Amino acid sequence: MTSGERKILDFGDLDEFEPRQKTASLPLERKAVDHAAAFPSRERDDEGQMNIRAPEAVLKRFREMAKSERYKLGAFLEILMNAYDQRHDG
């Protein structure tokens, strides 16, 4: 057989394999491995995310207003909420 030829797999050889027996400690071991292998979150602890359902025209207007003032959407939302608070508290 040359290096470019493919070798046919003999699935009959797989008959000798049997699945491992489940042990009681397997879920605990899996949790420990998952915890050790997990990457630390890159998200800040003091940040969150939310989804706002509104008419597309309102969302577009909000995005355009924030962009024209060079604010991120979250920062612009905070500015609007602070202005609302000042108007209703003062």
Protein backbone atom coordinates (compact mmCIF):
# COMPACT_ATOMS: atom_id res chain seq x y z
CA MET A 1 0.00 0.00 0.00
CA THR A 2 1.37 3.44 -0.92
CA SER A 3 1.18 6.45 1.35
CA GLY A 4 -1.64 7.98 -0.72
CA GLU A 5 -3.97 4.99 -0.30
CA ARG A 6 -6.55 4.84 2.43
CA LYS A 7 -6.71 1.91 4.82
CA ILE A 8 -10.15 0.36 5.26
CA LEU A 9 -11.37 0.34 8.86
CA ASP A 10 -12.40 -2.98 10.32
CA PHE A 11 -15.37 -2.16 12.54
CA GLY A 12 -15.43 -5.77 13.73
CA ASP A 13 -12.39 -4.94 15.89
CA LEU A 14 -14.58 -2.57 17.89
CA ASP A 15 -16.73 -5.42 19.21
CA GLU A 16 -14.21 -6.14 21.96
CA PHE A 17 -14.69 -2.73 23.55
CA GLU A 18 -17.30 -2.18 26.22
CA PRO A 19 -18.40 1.08 27.83
CA ARG A 20 -16.88 1.98 31.17
CA GLN A 21 -18.89 1.31 34.26
CA LYS A 22 -20.22 4.48 35.84
CA THR A 23 -18.92 5.21 39.30
CA ALA A 24 -20.46 7.40 41.97
CA SER A 25 -17.45 9.73 41.98
CA LEU A 26 -17.54 10.44 38.25
CA PRO A 27 -19.85 13.51 38.47
CA LEU A 28 -17.69 14.97 41.25
CA GLU A 29 -14.51 14.33 39.26
CA ARG A 30 -16.10 15.89 36.20
CA LYS A 31 -17.05 19.00 38.18
CA ALA A 32 -13.50 19.32 39.51
CA VAL A 33 -12.02 18.99 36.03
CA ASP A 34 -14.54 21.47 34.56
CA HIS A 35 -13.80 23.97 37.32
CA ALA A 36 -10.02 23.64 36.91
CA ALA A 37 -10.19 23.85 33.13
CA ALA A 38 -12.59 26.78 32.98
CA PHE A 39 -11.31 30.08 31.70
CA PRO A 40 -11.87 33.04 33.98
CA SER A 41 -14.65 35.29 32.80
CA ARG A 42 -13.55 38.37 30.95
CA GLU A 43 -16.71 40.17 31.95
CA ARG A 44 -16.51 42.66 34.76
CA ASP A 45 -18.41 41.68 37.88
CA ASP A 46 -20.21 45.01 38.00
CA GLU A 47 -21.59 44.81 34.45
CA GLY A 48 -24.66 43.12 33.09
CA GLN A 49 -26.65 42.96 29.91
CA MET A 50 -30.31 43.35 29.03
CA ASN A 51 -32.46 43.07 25.96
CA ILE A 52 -34.92 45.88 25.23
CA ARG A 53 -37.93 45.31 23.02
CA ALA A 54 -39.11 48.52 21.39
CA PRO A 55 -40.17 49.77 17.99
CA GLU A 56 -37.24 49.72 15.56
CA ALA A 57 -37.53 53.48 15.03
CA VAL A 58 -37.04 54.11 18.77
CA LEU A 59 -34.03 51.80 18.95
CA LYS A 60 -32.52 53.39 15.85
CA ARG A 61 -33.04 56.88 17.30
CA PHE A 62 -31.40 55.83 20.59
CA ARG A 63 -28.39 54.33 18.80
CA GLU A 64 -27.99 57.37 16.56
CA MET A 65 -28.21 59.78 19.51
CA ALA A 66 -25.55 57.83 21.43
CA LYS A 67 -23.33 57.59 18.37
CA SER A 68 -23.59 61.29 17.56
CA GLU A 69 -22.40 62.12 21.09
CA ARG A 70 -19.78 59.33 20.96
CA TYR A 71 -21.19 57.41 23.94
CA LYS A 72 -21.49 53.68 24.37
CA LEU A 73 -25.12 52.63 24.67
CA GLY A 74 -24.88 51.85 28.39
CA ALA A 75 -23.25 55.18 29.20
CA PHE A 76 -25.86 57.04 27.16
CA LEU A 77 -28.68 55.19 28.93
CA GLU A 78 -27.23 56.28 32.27
CA ILE A 79 -27.09 59.92 31.10
CA LEU A 80 -30.74 59.78 30.07
CA MET A 81 -31.78 58.18 33.37
CA ASN A 82 -29.85 60.81 35.37
CA ALA A 83 -31.56 63.58 33.39
CA TYR A 84 -34.93 61.95 34.05
CA ASP A 85 -34.17 61.73 37.79
CA GLN A 86 -33.13 65.39 37.96
CA ARG A 87 -36.28 66.48 36.21
CA HIS A 88 -38.56 64.47 38.50
CA ASP A 89 -36.68 64.84 41.81
CA GLY A 90 -35.88 68.52 41.61
